[in-house]
Protein backbone atom coordinates (compact mmCIF):
# COMPACT_ATOMS: atom_id res chain seq x y z
CA UNK A 1 49.72 114.59 -39.27
CA UNK A 2 50.12 111.31 -41.06
CA UNK A 3 48.17 108.47 -40.63
CA UNK A 4 50.90 106.29 -39.66
CA UNK A 5 52.23 108.51 -36.81
CA UNK A 6 48.63 108.85 -35.53
CA UNK A 7 48.91 105.93 -33.11
CA UNK A 8 52.32 107.20 -31.80
CA UNK A 9 51.17 110.51 -31.36
CA UNK A 10 47.95 109.18 -29.20
CA UNK A 11 50.68 106.96 -27.19
CA UNK A 12 52.33 109.75 -26.22
CA UNK A 13 49.42 112.10 -25.22
CA UNK A 14 47.78 109.30 -22.97
CA UNK A 15 51.12 108.73 -21.51
CA UNK A 16 51.28 112.70 -20.65
CA UNK A 17 47.76 112.39 -19.31
CA UNK A 18 48.55 109.23 -17.20
CA UNK A 19 51.83 110.92 -15.92
CA UNK A 20 49.53 114.39 -14.81
CA UNK A 21 46.90 112.44 -12.96
CA UNK A 22 49.75 110.28 -10.98
CA UNK A 23 51.34 113.70 -10.14
CA UNK A 24 48.07 115.05 -9.06
CA UNK A 25 47.20 112.07 -7.09
CA UNK A 26 50.30 112.21 -5.11
CA UNK A 27 50.07 115.67 -4.22
CA UNK A 28 46.95 115.53 -3.22
CA UNK A 29 46.88 112.29 -1.31
CA UNK A 30 50.27 113.25 0.57
CA UNK A 31 50.52 114.61 4.28
CA UNK A 32 50.81 118.49 4.58
CA UNK A 33 54.39 119.63 5.32
CA UNK A 34 54.96 121.05 8.55
CA UNK A 35 57.53 121.91 10.51
CA UNK A 36 57.17 121.58 14.60
CA UNK A 37 57.09 124.85 16.22
CA UNK A 38 60.55 125.69 17.90
CA UNK A 39 61.24 128.11 20.52
CA UNK A 40 64.57 129.34 21.41
CA UNK A 41 65.12 131.35 24.40
CA UNK A 42 66.77 134.54 24.19
CA UNK A 43 68.91 134.82 27.62
CA UNK A 44 72.65 134.94 28.43
CA UNK A 45 74.35 132.30 29.84
CA UNK A 46 75.62 134.64 33.05
CA UNK A 47 71.80 135.03 33.47
CA UNK A 48 71.06 131.16 33.19
CA UNK A 49 74.15 130.47 35.41
CA UNK A 50 73.28 132.81 38.24
CA UNK A 51 69.64 131.63 38.52
CA UNK A 52 68.14 134.64 37.49
CA UNK A 53 66.33 133.10 34.65
CA UNK A 54 64.00 130.01 35.08
CA UNK A 55 64.87 127.23 32.68
CA UNK A 56 63.04 127.00 29.60
CA UNK A 57 61.44 123.77 29.05
CA UNK A 58 59.77 122.94 25.79
CA UNK A 59 56.95 120.39 25.06
CA UNK A 60 57.14 119.13 21.61
CA UNK A 61 54.53 116.45 20.42
CA UNK A 62 55.86 113.32 18.57
CA UNK A 63 53.87 111.41 15.97
CA UNK A 64 52.90 107.97 17.01
CA UNK A 65 51.71 105.23 14.59
CA UNK A 66 49.29 103.68 17.20
CA UNK A 67 45.99 105.25 18.18
CA UNK A 68 47.32 105.45 21.43
CA UNK A 69 47.62 108.94 22.95
CA UNK A 70 50.71 110.94 21.67
CA UNK A 71 53.80 110.92 23.83
CA UNK A 72 55.98 114.04 24.54
CA UNK A 73 59.48 115.06 24.26
CA UNK A 74 61.08 117.48 26.82
CA UNK A 75 63.68 119.60 25.89
CA UNK A 76 65.81 121.99 27.72
CA UNK A 77 66.84 124.47 25.48
CA UNK A 78 68.94 126.48 28.19
CA UNK A 79 71.05 123.61 29.32
CA UNK A 80 72.12 122.93 25.93
CA UNK A 81 73.11 126.49 25.72
CA UNK A 82 75.09 126.84 28.78
CA UNK A 83 76.79 123.26 27.97
CA UNK A 84 77.92 124.68 24.51
CA UNK A 85 79.18 127.84 26.03
CA UNK A 86 80.86 126.24 28.81
CA UNK A 87 82.86 124.27 26.36
CA UNK A 88 83.82 127.13 24.12
CA UNK A 89 84.74 129.07 27.16
CA UNK A 90 87.08 126.30 28.22
CA UNK A 91 88.62 125.84 24.98
CA UNK A 92 89.32 129.54 24.71
CA UNK A 93 90.56 130.20 28.43
CA UNK A 94 92.24 126.93 28.90
CA UNK A 95 95.38 128.31 26.51
CA UNK A 96 96.38 131.87 26.11
CA UNK A 97 98.42 133.47 23.62
CA UNK A 98 99.48 132.32 20.28
CA UNK A 99 100.15 128.67 19.37
CA UNK A 100 103.12 127.30 18.34
CA UNK A 101 102.22 124.86 15.43
CA UNK A 102 105.49 123.28 15.76
CA UNK A 103 105.22 122.26 19.22
CA UNK A 104 101.38 122.32 19.84
CA UNK A 105 99.40 119.54 21.45
CA UNK A 106 95.92 118.53 20.08
CA UNK A 107 94.35 120.37 22.80
CA UNK A 108 96.56 123.35 22.28
CA UNK A 109 95.68 123.11 18.28
CA UNK A 110 92.30 122.71 19.06
CA UNK A 111 91.75 126.24 20.51
CA UNK A 112 92.29 127.85 17.25
CA UNK A 113 89.27 128.87 15.18
CA UNK A 114 88.03 126.21 13.23
CA UNK A 115 90.50 123.64 14.11
CA UNK A 116 88.60 120.64 15.79
CA UNK A 117 90.48 117.32 17.52
CA UNK A 118 90.62 115.42 13.89
CA UNK A 119 92.43 118.45 12.25
CA UNK A 120 94.66 119.36 14.92
CA UNK A 121 95.89 115.37 14.84
CA UNK A 122 96.31 115.70 10.89
CA UNK A 123 98.59 118.87 11.75
CA UNK A 124 100.63 116.92 14.13
CA UNK A 125 101.00 113.90 11.60
CA UNK A 126 101.91 116.04 8.96
CA UNK A 127 104.68 117.79 11.07
CA UNK A 128 105.92 114.79 12.23
CA UNK A 129 106.06 113.38 8.78
CA UNK A 130 107.64 116.54 7.03
CA UNK A 131 109.25 118.34 9.80
CA UNK A 132 108.48 121.59 11.39
CA UNK A 133 106.45 124.36 9.42
CA UNK A 134 108.52 127.23 8.51
CA UNK A 135 105.89 129.72 7.22
CA UNK A 136 102.09 130.18 7.43
CA UNK A 137 101.56 128.76 3.75
CA UNK A 138 103.22 125.40 4.80
CA UNK A 139 99.86 124.53 6.57
CA UNK A 140 98.09 124.63 3.36
CA UNK A 141 99.68 121.29 2.43
CA UNK A 142 97.75 119.84 5.43
CA UNK A 143 94.55 118.20 4.28
CA UNK A 144 91.35 119.80 5.71
CA UNK A 145 93.36 123.17 5.76
CA UNK A 146 92.37 125.89 2.78
CA UNK A 147 92.74 129.60 2.34
CA UNK A 148 90.05 130.57 4.24
CA UNK A 149 90.71 128.36 7.22
CA UNK A 150 94.38 129.57 7.20
CA UNK A 151 92.95 133.21 7.10
CA UNK A 152 91.05 132.38 10.16
CA UNK A 153 93.85 131.21 12.45
CA UNK A 154 96.91 133.41 11.14
CA UNK A 155 96.76 135.90 13.98
CA UNK A 156 96.69 133.11 16.39
CA UNK A 157 99.94 130.97 15.27
CA UNK A 158 103.35 130.95 15.66
CA UNK A 159 106.46 128.98 14.20
């Protein structure tokens, strides 16, 4: 080592030691990473709707900034499962058969796998601006529809 660079090397070494010290301090002083325990009920919607299974209610403690006792939050997982399942059942049973993409409403297009209300509206907007779709590949021109989404709905659509 040359004597003229000795000061620079010392400063670099000191900076590395300080950086390591800061990293260790932050690692030791931060609270531990824990995730709340969440349990899900393994029951079917039919059992819940028929009342053969009692509702599963989970209590999750929440952190409080004050010294007051912790409050709790109650979550009814089965009710959420039933609501989601009912929406899916209504979505698929409301319309049966293939969906004609040239005449379908937002609600009818919404029944297709992976097509929500927004994308259904985009399909209708594109159809109104550019005329009817002639083949499945024409749907690729609609923003939000790619090869995978087209493959998922191709068996459920007509023209």
